N, C-alpha and C. Protein backbone atom coordinates (compact mmCIF):
# COMPACT_ATOMS: atom_id res chain seq x y z
N MET A 1 19.80 95.55 -110.01
CA MET A 1 19.48 94.65 -108.94
C MET A 1 20.68 94.46 -108.02
N LEU A 2 21.87 94.38 -108.59
CA LEU A 2 23.05 94.21 -107.75
C LEU A 2 23.26 95.43 -106.86
N LEU A 3 22.96 96.60 -107.39
CA LEU A 3 23.11 97.82 -106.60
C LEU A 3 22.16 97.80 -105.41
N LYS A 4 20.94 97.36 -105.61
CA LYS A 4 19.96 97.27 -104.52
C LYS A 4 20.43 96.27 -103.45
N ARG A 5 20.97 95.17 -103.88
CA ARG A 5 21.45 94.15 -102.91
C ARG A 5 22.63 94.71 -102.14
N ALA A 6 23.54 95.37 -102.79
CA ALA A 6 24.70 95.98 -102.13
C ALA A 6 24.24 97.01 -101.10
N LYS A 7 23.29 97.84 -101.51
CA LYS A 7 22.79 98.87 -100.61
C LYS A 7 22.13 98.25 -99.38
N ALA A 8 21.40 97.16 -99.56
CA ALA A 8 20.74 96.47 -98.45
C ALA A 8 21.81 95.92 -97.48
N ARG A 9 22.98 95.62 -97.98
CA ARG A 9 24.08 95.15 -97.09
C ARG A 9 24.88 96.31 -96.51
N GLY A 10 24.49 97.55 -96.84
CA GLY A 10 25.19 98.71 -96.33
C GLY A 10 26.38 99.13 -97.13
N VAL A 11 26.52 98.59 -98.34
CA VAL A 11 27.63 98.93 -99.22
C VAL A 11 27.13 99.96 -100.25
N GLU A 12 27.86 101.04 -100.39
CA GLU A 12 27.50 102.08 -101.36
C GLU A 12 28.49 102.11 -102.52
N TYR A 13 27.95 102.04 -103.73
CA TYR A 13 28.74 102.18 -104.94
C TYR A 13 28.19 103.37 -105.72
N GLN A 14 29.06 104.06 -106.43
CA GLN A 14 28.64 105.08 -107.34
C GLN A 14 28.88 104.55 -108.76
N VAL A 15 27.83 103.93 -109.30
CA VAL A 15 27.91 103.28 -110.60
C VAL A 15 27.24 104.16 -111.64
N THR A 16 27.86 104.31 -112.79
CA THR A 16 27.30 105.10 -113.88
C THR A 16 27.06 104.21 -115.11
N LEU A 17 26.18 104.68 -115.96
CA LEU A 17 25.86 104.02 -117.22
C LEU A 17 26.16 105.03 -118.34
N THR A 18 26.84 104.59 -119.37
CA THR A 18 27.07 105.45 -120.53
C THR A 18 26.51 104.75 -121.76
N ILE A 19 25.66 105.46 -122.48
CA ILE A 19 25.11 104.98 -123.74
C ILE A 19 25.65 105.87 -124.84
N PHE A 20 26.46 105.30 -125.70
CA PHE A 20 27.00 106.07 -126.82
C PHE A 20 26.07 105.93 -128.02
N THR A 21 25.84 107.04 -128.67
CA THR A 21 24.89 107.13 -129.78
C THR A 21 25.41 108.09 -130.82
N GLY A 22 24.70 108.19 -131.91
CA GLY A 22 25.12 109.07 -133.00
C GLY A 22 24.70 110.53 -132.81
N GLU A 23 23.96 110.80 -131.76
CA GLU A 23 23.47 112.17 -131.51
C GLU A 23 24.14 112.75 -130.25
N ASP A 24 24.12 114.04 -130.19
CA ASP A 24 24.68 114.75 -129.02
C ASP A 24 23.59 114.76 -127.92
N GLY A 25 23.24 113.61 -127.42
CA GLY A 25 22.25 113.50 -126.33
C GLY A 25 20.81 113.57 -126.79
N ALA A 26 19.91 113.59 -125.81
CA ALA A 26 18.46 113.64 -126.08
C ALA A 26 18.03 115.06 -126.37
N LYS A 27 17.02 115.15 -127.18
CA LYS A 27 16.51 116.46 -127.56
C LYS A 27 14.99 116.44 -127.60
N LEU A 28 14.38 117.57 -127.27
CA LEU A 28 12.95 117.74 -127.49
C LEU A 28 12.76 118.38 -128.85
N ASN A 29 11.71 118.00 -129.55
CA ASN A 29 11.42 118.56 -130.87
C ASN A 29 12.57 118.35 -131.83
N TYR A 30 13.06 117.15 -131.84
CA TYR A 30 14.24 116.78 -132.62
C TYR A 30 14.10 117.19 -134.10
N GLN A 31 15.10 117.86 -134.62
CA GLN A 31 15.22 118.33 -135.97
C GLN A 31 14.11 119.30 -136.39
N LYS A 32 13.57 120.02 -135.42
CA LYS A 32 12.59 121.06 -135.68
C LYS A 32 13.20 122.40 -135.29
N PRO A 33 12.62 123.50 -135.78
CA PRO A 33 13.20 124.82 -135.47
C PRO A 33 13.31 125.11 -133.96
N ASP A 34 12.41 124.52 -133.18
CA ASP A 34 12.43 124.76 -131.73
C ASP A 34 13.10 123.60 -130.95
N GLN A 35 14.01 122.88 -131.60
CA GLN A 35 14.74 121.81 -130.95
C GLN A 35 15.40 122.30 -129.68
N GLN A 36 15.33 121.47 -128.62
CA GLN A 36 15.90 121.84 -127.33
C GLN A 36 16.79 120.70 -126.85
N ASP A 37 18.08 121.01 -126.58
CA ASP A 37 19.00 120.02 -126.00
C ASP A 37 18.60 119.79 -124.55
N LEU A 38 18.60 118.52 -124.15
CA LEU A 38 18.36 118.18 -122.76
C LEU A 38 19.72 117.78 -122.15
N ARG A 39 20.35 118.71 -121.51
CA ARG A 39 21.69 118.48 -120.98
C ARG A 39 21.70 117.73 -119.66
N LYS A 40 20.88 118.17 -118.70
CA LYS A 40 20.86 117.48 -117.39
C LYS A 40 19.43 117.37 -116.91
N LEU A 41 19.02 116.16 -116.57
CA LEU A 41 17.68 115.89 -116.10
C LEU A 41 17.75 115.11 -114.79
N THR A 42 16.82 115.39 -113.91
CA THR A 42 16.63 114.50 -112.77
C THR A 42 15.79 113.33 -113.26
N ILE A 43 15.76 112.27 -112.49
CA ILE A 43 14.95 111.10 -112.84
C ILE A 43 13.48 111.53 -112.97
N LYS A 44 13.03 112.39 -112.09
CA LYS A 44 11.65 112.86 -112.15
C LYS A 44 11.36 113.59 -113.48
N GLU A 45 12.27 114.47 -113.85
CA GLU A 45 12.08 115.21 -115.11
C GLU A 45 12.11 114.27 -116.32
N ALA A 46 13.04 113.30 -116.31
CA ALA A 46 13.15 112.36 -117.41
C ALA A 46 11.87 111.52 -117.54
N GLU A 47 11.35 111.07 -116.38
CA GLU A 47 10.11 110.26 -116.40
C GLU A 47 8.93 111.07 -116.91
N GLU A 48 8.84 112.34 -116.47
CA GLU A 48 7.72 113.19 -116.90
C GLU A 48 7.76 113.41 -118.40
N ILE A 49 8.93 113.66 -118.94
CA ILE A 49 9.05 113.86 -120.40
C ILE A 49 8.78 112.54 -121.14
N PHE A 50 9.36 111.45 -120.66
CA PHE A 50 9.20 110.14 -121.33
C PHE A 50 7.74 109.71 -121.34
N ASN A 51 6.99 110.03 -120.29
CA ASN A 51 5.59 109.57 -120.16
C ASN A 51 4.59 110.50 -120.86
N ARG A 52 5.05 111.55 -121.52
CA ARG A 52 4.13 112.43 -122.26
C ARG A 52 3.48 111.64 -123.37
N LYS A 53 2.26 112.02 -123.70
CA LYS A 53 1.53 111.42 -124.80
C LYS A 53 1.38 112.44 -125.90
N PRO A 54 1.91 112.24 -127.07
CA PRO A 54 2.79 111.14 -127.43
C PRO A 54 4.20 111.34 -126.85
N CYS A 55 4.87 110.22 -126.65
CA CYS A 55 6.23 110.29 -126.14
C CYS A 55 7.15 111.04 -127.13
N PRO A 56 7.89 112.03 -126.67
CA PRO A 56 8.75 112.78 -127.57
C PRO A 56 10.00 112.03 -128.05
N PHE A 57 10.23 110.82 -127.50
CA PHE A 57 11.39 110.03 -127.88
C PHE A 57 10.93 108.79 -128.65
N PRO A 58 11.17 108.71 -129.95
CA PRO A 58 10.69 107.60 -130.75
C PRO A 58 11.20 106.24 -130.26
N ALA A 59 10.37 105.24 -130.41
CA ALA A 59 10.67 103.87 -129.96
C ALA A 59 11.89 103.31 -130.69
N GLY A 60 12.12 103.67 -131.93
CA GLY A 60 13.24 103.15 -132.69
C GLY A 60 14.45 104.04 -132.66
N SER A 61 14.49 104.99 -131.75
CA SER A 61 15.56 105.96 -131.71
C SER A 61 16.01 106.24 -130.29
N MET A 62 15.66 107.41 -129.75
CA MET A 62 16.10 107.80 -128.42
C MET A 62 15.25 107.14 -127.31
N GLY A 63 14.06 106.69 -127.63
CA GLY A 63 13.19 106.10 -126.62
C GLY A 63 13.80 105.00 -125.78
N PRO A 64 14.39 103.97 -126.40
CA PRO A 64 14.99 102.89 -125.60
C PRO A 64 16.17 103.37 -124.76
N LYS A 65 16.88 104.35 -125.24
CA LYS A 65 18.04 104.87 -124.48
C LYS A 65 17.56 105.61 -123.21
N ILE A 66 16.54 106.44 -123.38
CA ILE A 66 15.98 107.15 -122.22
C ILE A 66 15.38 106.16 -121.24
N LYS A 67 14.65 105.19 -121.75
CA LYS A 67 14.04 104.16 -120.89
C LYS A 67 15.09 103.40 -120.10
N ALA A 68 16.20 103.03 -120.76
CA ALA A 68 17.28 102.32 -120.05
C ALA A 68 17.91 103.20 -118.99
N ALA A 69 18.11 104.48 -119.31
CA ALA A 69 18.71 105.40 -118.33
C ALA A 69 17.81 105.55 -117.12
N ILE A 70 16.52 105.69 -117.36
CA ILE A 70 15.54 105.81 -116.25
C ILE A 70 15.59 104.58 -115.38
N LYS A 71 15.53 103.40 -115.98
CA LYS A 71 15.56 102.14 -115.23
C LYS A 71 16.85 102.02 -114.41
N PHE A 72 17.96 102.41 -115.00
CA PHE A 72 19.25 102.34 -114.33
C PHE A 72 19.24 103.21 -113.06
N ILE A 73 18.74 104.42 -113.17
CA ILE A 73 18.68 105.32 -112.02
C ILE A 73 17.70 104.80 -110.98
N GLN A 74 16.55 104.30 -111.45
CA GLN A 74 15.56 103.73 -110.52
C GLN A 74 16.18 102.58 -109.72
N ASP A 75 17.07 101.83 -110.33
CA ASP A 75 17.70 100.68 -109.69
C ASP A 75 18.91 101.04 -108.85
N GLY A 76 19.14 102.34 -108.66
CA GLY A 76 20.21 102.75 -107.77
C GLY A 76 21.45 103.35 -108.40
N GLY A 77 21.44 103.50 -109.73
CA GLY A 77 22.60 104.10 -110.42
C GLY A 77 22.82 105.52 -110.01
N HIS A 78 24.06 105.98 -110.10
CA HIS A 78 24.44 107.32 -109.70
C HIS A 78 24.18 108.36 -110.80
N ALA A 79 24.47 107.97 -112.05
CA ALA A 79 24.25 108.86 -113.18
C ALA A 79 24.20 108.02 -114.46
N ALA A 80 23.43 108.48 -115.43
CA ALA A 80 23.38 107.86 -116.77
C ALA A 80 23.69 108.94 -117.79
N TYR A 81 24.57 108.61 -118.73
CA TYR A 81 25.00 109.54 -119.74
C TYR A 81 24.59 109.03 -121.10
N ILE A 82 24.09 109.94 -121.97
CA ILE A 82 23.81 109.63 -123.35
C ILE A 82 24.64 110.63 -124.17
N SER A 83 25.55 110.08 -124.99
CA SER A 83 26.55 110.97 -125.61
C SER A 83 27.10 110.34 -126.88
N LYS A 84 27.68 111.21 -127.70
CA LYS A 84 28.53 110.77 -128.80
C LYS A 84 29.92 110.45 -128.19
N THR A 85 30.58 109.47 -128.71
CA THR A 85 31.88 109.07 -128.17
C THR A 85 32.84 110.27 -128.10
N GLU A 86 32.90 111.02 -129.21
CA GLU A 86 33.86 112.11 -129.27
C GLU A 86 33.49 113.29 -128.39
N LEU A 87 32.28 113.30 -127.83
CA LEU A 87 31.86 114.39 -126.97
C LEU A 87 31.75 113.97 -125.49
N PHE A 88 32.26 112.79 -125.16
CA PHE A 88 32.04 112.29 -123.80
C PHE A 88 32.70 113.18 -122.74
N ASP A 89 33.89 113.71 -123.00
CA ASP A 89 34.51 114.58 -122.02
C ASP A 89 33.64 115.84 -121.79
N LYS A 90 33.03 116.35 -122.83
CA LYS A 90 32.14 117.51 -122.69
C LYS A 90 30.84 117.13 -122.00
N THR A 91 30.42 115.88 -122.20
CA THR A 91 29.21 115.40 -121.52
C THR A 91 29.45 115.37 -120.02
N LEU A 92 30.61 114.88 -119.62
CA LEU A 92 30.95 114.85 -118.20
C LEU A 92 31.02 116.25 -117.62
N ALA A 93 31.40 117.21 -118.44
CA ALA A 93 31.47 118.62 -118.01
C ALA A 93 30.11 119.31 -118.08
N GLY A 94 29.12 118.66 -118.67
CA GLY A 94 27.76 119.21 -118.73
C GLY A 94 27.52 120.12 -119.93
N THR A 95 28.41 120.14 -120.89
CA THR A 95 28.24 121.01 -122.05
C THR A 95 27.86 120.27 -123.32
N ALA A 96 27.70 118.96 -123.23
CA ALA A 96 27.25 118.15 -124.36
C ALA A 96 26.49 116.96 -123.81
N GLY A 97 25.88 116.19 -124.70
CA GLY A 97 25.19 114.97 -124.27
C GLY A 97 24.07 115.25 -123.31
N THR A 98 23.56 114.18 -122.73
CA THR A 98 22.51 114.25 -121.70
C THR A 98 22.96 113.45 -120.48
N THR A 99 22.76 114.03 -119.31
CA THR A 99 23.05 113.37 -118.04
C THR A 99 21.77 113.28 -117.26
N ILE A 100 21.47 112.08 -116.79
CA ILE A 100 20.27 111.85 -115.96
C ILE A 100 20.76 111.41 -114.57
N VAL A 101 20.27 112.07 -113.54
CA VAL A 101 20.69 111.81 -112.16
C VAL A 101 19.49 111.59 -111.28
N PRO A 102 19.71 111.00 -110.11
CA PRO A 102 18.57 110.81 -109.20
C PRO A 102 17.92 112.13 -108.82
């Protein structure tokens, strides 16, 4: 909400959100032979995956993290990162974690 108010006043900020977790970012088909790392997603891609029935991100696990990242970007955030603490530098480089952008 603060980002929207700032933008309405003509002020631009590049604000990011980082969610640290025990996993190396979001994955499709988690812990299955065809598991797929989701390294970089646009907000549109993240919403499309999140809204699948059934949602591939469990409510008690990655679901709330993806939902928070989507909401953050919708509200004007520049980027949202989901990463393990020790992999954050690699997440910023795009080789670990998940990055969601507008």
